[in-house]
């Protein structure tokens, strides 16, 4: 069963296209990695996916009861 499913995700930042029409699923007990060069948009992709999960926006579907956590690259801590 798929915990997270993403269909036809496209992310651009101005003139820079980071992701074009990406589709994938993450299933129970799978381990995944997002790899790329510095500045290639890995954190932006994860933040976009996280925002889509939080807002329940298409094309992101999360299995009922699944819990996904995300720690921002530069988190704002209360002092």
N, C-alpha and C. Protein backbone atom coordinates (compact mmCIF):
# COMPACT_ATOMS: atom_id res chain seq x y z
N UNK A 1 0.84 -1.18 0.00
CA UNK A 1 0.00 0.00 0.00
C UNK A 1 0.89 1.25 0.00
N UNK A 2 0.48 2.25 -0.71
CA UNK A 2 1.24 3.48 -0.86
C UNK A 2 0.97 4.43 0.32
N UNK A 3 2.05 4.86 1.00
CA UNK A 3 1.91 5.85 2.06
C UNK A 3 1.77 7.25 1.49
N UNK A 4 2.53 7.51 0.44
CA UNK A 4 2.55 8.83 -0.19
C UNK A 4 2.61 8.63 -1.69
N UNK A 5 1.75 9.33 -2.39
CA UNK A 5 1.72 9.25 -3.84
C UNK A 5 1.71 10.65 -4.42
N UNK A 6 2.57 10.89 -5.39
CA UNK A 6 2.67 12.19 -6.04
C UNK A 6 2.53 11.97 -7.54
N UNK A 7 1.66 12.77 -8.16
CA UNK A 7 1.41 12.62 -9.60
C UNK A 7 1.58 13.95 -10.31
N UNK A 8 2.38 13.93 -11.35
CA UNK A 8 2.54 15.08 -12.25
C UNK A 8 2.94 16.36 -11.52
N UNK A 9 3.90 16.25 -10.62
CA UNK A 9 4.39 17.41 -9.86
C UNK A 9 5.37 18.21 -10.70
N UNK A 10 5.13 19.50 -10.79
CA UNK A 10 6.05 20.41 -11.49
C UNK A 10 6.36 21.56 -10.55
N UNK A 11 7.64 21.88 -10.41
CA UNK A 11 8.07 22.98 -9.55
C UNK A 11 9.05 23.84 -10.33
N UNK A 12 8.74 25.13 -10.39
CA UNK A 12 9.71 26.06 -11.00
C UNK A 12 9.88 27.25 -10.08
N UNK A 13 11.04 27.82 -10.13
CA UNK A 13 11.38 29.03 -9.37
C UNK A 13 11.85 30.05 -10.38
N UNK A 14 10.90 30.83 -10.87
CA UNK A 14 11.24 31.82 -11.89
C UNK A 14 11.63 31.12 -13.18
N UNK A 15 12.83 31.40 -13.65
CA UNK A 15 13.29 30.82 -14.91
C UNK A 15 13.87 29.42 -14.73
N UNK A 16 14.03 28.97 -13.48
CA UNK A 16 14.66 27.67 -13.21
C UNK A 16 13.61 26.59 -12.96
N UNK A 17 13.57 25.58 -13.82
CA UNK A 17 12.67 24.45 -13.67
C UNK A 17 13.36 23.40 -12.80
N UNK A 18 12.80 23.12 -11.61
CA UNK A 18 13.39 22.15 -10.70
C UNK A 18 12.87 20.74 -10.92
N UNK A 19 11.56 20.62 -11.13
CA UNK A 19 10.92 19.32 -11.33
C UNK A 19 9.90 19.48 -12.44
N UNK A 20 9.88 18.53 -13.36
CA UNK A 20 8.92 18.59 -14.46
C UNK A 20 8.13 17.28 -14.54
N UNK A 21 6.86 17.34 -14.22
CA UNK A 21 5.93 16.23 -14.40
C UNK A 21 6.41 14.95 -13.70
N UNK A 22 6.83 15.07 -12.43
CA UNK A 22 7.34 13.92 -11.67
C UNK A 22 6.18 13.17 -11.02
N UNK A 23 6.26 11.86 -11.05
CA UNK A 23 5.28 11.00 -10.40
C UNK A 23 6.02 9.87 -9.69
N UNK A 24 5.63 9.62 -8.43
CA UNK A 24 6.22 8.50 -7.69
C UNK A 24 5.36 8.18 -6.48
N UNK A 25 5.61 7.02 -5.89
CA UNK A 25 4.94 6.58 -4.68
C UNK A 25 5.98 6.05 -3.71
N UNK A 26 5.68 6.21 -2.44
CA UNK A 26 6.51 5.63 -1.37
C UNK A 26 5.61 4.66 -0.62
N UNK A 27 6.06 3.41 -0.51
CA UNK A 27 5.27 2.35 0.11
C UNK A 27 5.81 2.02 1.51
N UNK A 28 5.00 1.31 2.28
CA UNK A 28 5.39 0.86 3.62
C UNK A 28 6.78 0.24 3.61
N UNK A 29 7.57 0.57 4.59
CA UNK A 29 8.90 -0.01 4.82
C UNK A 29 9.94 0.32 3.75
N UNK A 30 9.63 1.22 2.83
CA UNK A 30 10.64 1.65 1.85
C UNK A 30 11.48 2.76 2.44
N UNK A 31 12.71 2.78 2.05
CA UNK A 31 13.61 3.88 2.40
C UNK A 31 13.94 4.60 1.09
N UNK A 32 13.83 5.92 1.09
CA UNK A 32 14.08 6.69 -0.12
C UNK A 32 15.07 7.81 0.18
N UNK A 33 15.72 8.29 -0.86
CA UNK A 33 16.67 9.39 -0.73
C UNK A 33 16.47 10.34 -1.90
N UNK A 34 16.62 11.60 -1.61
CA UNK A 34 16.59 12.64 -2.65
C UNK A 34 18.01 13.18 -2.72
N UNK A 35 18.67 12.94 -3.84
CA UNK A 35 20.06 13.35 -3.97
C UNK A 35 20.24 14.32 -5.12
N UNK A 36 21.24 15.16 -5.02
CA UNK A 36 21.53 16.12 -6.07
C UNK A 36 22.62 17.07 -5.62
N UNK A 37 23.12 17.84 -6.54
CA UNK A 37 24.17 18.81 -6.25
C UNK A 37 23.65 19.92 -5.35
N UNK A 38 24.57 20.60 -4.66
CA UNK A 38 24.20 21.76 -3.86
C UNK A 38 23.51 22.78 -4.75
N UNK A 39 22.41 23.33 -4.25
CA UNK A 39 21.68 24.35 -4.99
C UNK A 39 20.77 23.82 -6.09
N UNK A 40 20.61 22.50 -6.18
CA UNK A 40 19.79 21.93 -7.25
C UNK A 40 18.30 21.95 -6.93
N UNK A 41 17.93 22.26 -5.68
CA UNK A 41 16.52 22.37 -5.33
C UNK A 41 15.97 21.26 -4.46
N UNK A 42 16.82 20.45 -3.84
CA UNK A 42 16.34 19.34 -3.01
C UNK A 42 15.46 19.84 -1.87
N UNK A 43 15.92 20.83 -1.14
CA UNK A 43 15.15 21.37 -0.02
C UNK A 43 13.86 22.02 -0.51
N UNK A 44 13.90 22.68 -1.65
CA UNK A 44 12.71 23.30 -2.22
C UNK A 44 11.69 22.24 -2.59
N UNK A 45 12.14 21.13 -3.15
CA UNK A 45 11.23 20.04 -3.51
C UNK A 45 10.57 19.48 -2.25
N UNK A 46 11.36 19.22 -1.21
CA UNK A 46 10.80 18.68 0.03
C UNK A 46 9.84 19.66 0.68
N UNK A 47 10.18 20.95 0.69
CA UNK A 47 9.30 21.97 1.26
C UNK A 47 7.99 22.05 0.47
N UNK A 48 8.07 21.96 -0.84
CA UNK A 48 6.87 22.00 -1.69
C UNK A 48 5.97 20.80 -1.42
N UNK A 49 6.57 19.62 -1.30
CA UNK A 49 5.80 18.42 -0.98
C UNK A 49 5.16 18.57 0.40
N UNK A 50 5.93 19.07 1.38
CA UNK A 50 5.40 19.28 2.73
C UNK A 50 4.23 20.26 2.71
N UNK A 51 4.36 21.35 1.98
CA UNK A 51 3.28 22.34 1.88
C UNK A 51 2.05 21.72 1.23
N UNK A 52 2.25 20.89 0.22
CA UNK A 52 1.14 20.22 -0.45
C UNK A 52 0.43 19.26 0.47
N UNK A 53 1.18 18.56 1.32
CA UNK A 53 0.57 17.64 2.28
C UNK A 53 -0.23 18.44 3.30
N UNK A 54 0.35 19.52 3.81
CA UNK A 54 -0.32 20.34 4.82
C UNK A 54 -1.61 20.95 4.29
N UNK A 55 -1.62 21.35 3.02
CA UNK A 55 -2.80 21.99 2.44
C UNK A 55 -3.72 21.01 1.72
N UNK A 56 -3.32 19.72 1.72
CA UNK A 56 -4.08 18.68 1.02
C UNK A 56 -4.26 19.01 -0.46
N UNK A 57 -3.24 19.61 -1.05
CA UNK A 57 -3.30 20.01 -2.45
C UNK A 57 -2.96 18.85 -3.37
N UNK A 58 -3.63 18.77 -4.49
CA UNK A 58 -3.25 17.83 -5.53
C UNK A 58 -1.93 18.30 -6.09
N UNK A 59 -1.09 17.50 -6.56
CA UNK A 59 -1.20 16.08 -6.88
C UNK A 59 -0.64 15.16 -5.80
N UNK A 60 -0.74 15.55 -4.53
CA UNK A 60 -0.14 14.79 -3.43
C UNK A 60 -1.23 14.08 -2.65
N UNK A 61 -1.09 12.76 -2.47
CA UNK A 61 -2.05 11.98 -1.71
C UNK A 61 -1.30 11.22 -0.63
N UNK A 62 -1.78 11.34 0.60
CA UNK A 62 -1.17 10.64 1.72
C UNK A 62 -2.19 9.67 2.32
N UNK A 63 -1.71 8.49 2.67
CA UNK A 63 -2.59 7.46 3.22
C UNK A 63 -3.16 7.92 4.56
N UNK A 64 -4.44 7.66 4.78
CA UNK A 64 -5.07 8.01 6.05
C UNK A 64 -4.31 7.34 7.19
N UNK A 65 -3.99 8.11 8.22
CA UNK A 65 -3.29 7.59 9.38
C UNK A 65 -1.77 7.65 9.27
N UNK A 66 -1.24 7.92 8.09
CA UNK A 66 0.22 8.01 7.92
C UNK A 66 0.70 9.33 8.52
N UNK A 67 1.90 9.32 9.05
CA UNK A 67 2.48 10.53 9.62
C UNK A 67 3.80 10.81 8.90
N UNK A 68 3.92 12.01 8.37
CA UNK A 68 5.13 12.42 7.69
C UNK A 68 5.65 13.67 8.37
N UNK A 69 6.94 13.68 8.68
CA UNK A 69 7.54 14.83 9.34
C UNK A 69 8.57 15.46 8.42
N UNK A 70 8.77 16.75 8.59
CA UNK A 70 9.72 17.50 7.77
C UNK A 70 10.39 18.54 8.64
N UNK A 71 11.70 18.58 8.64
CA UNK A 71 12.45 19.60 9.36
C UNK A 71 13.08 20.50 8.32
N UNK A 72 12.70 21.77 8.34
CA UNK A 72 13.20 22.74 7.37
C UNK A 72 14.72 22.88 7.49
N UNK A 73 15.34 23.26 6.40
CA UNK A 73 16.79 23.42 6.38
C UNK A 73 17.25 24.48 7.37
N UNK A 74 16.50 25.56 7.48
CA UNK A 74 16.80 26.63 8.43
C UNK A 74 15.57 26.86 9.31
N UNK A 75 15.35 25.97 10.30
CA UNK A 75 14.14 26.08 11.12
C UNK A 75 14.16 27.32 12.02
N UNK A 76 12.99 27.87 12.27
CA UNK A 76 12.86 29.01 13.17
C UNK A 76 12.52 28.47 14.55
N UNK A 77 13.44 28.57 15.48
CA UNK A 77 13.23 28.10 16.84
C UNK A 77 12.80 29.26 17.73
N UNK A 78 11.89 28.97 18.67
CA UNK A 78 11.52 29.98 19.67
C UNK A 78 12.62 30.06 20.70
N UNK A 79 13.01 31.28 21.05
CA UNK A 79 14.07 31.44 22.06
C UNK A 79 13.50 32.05 23.31
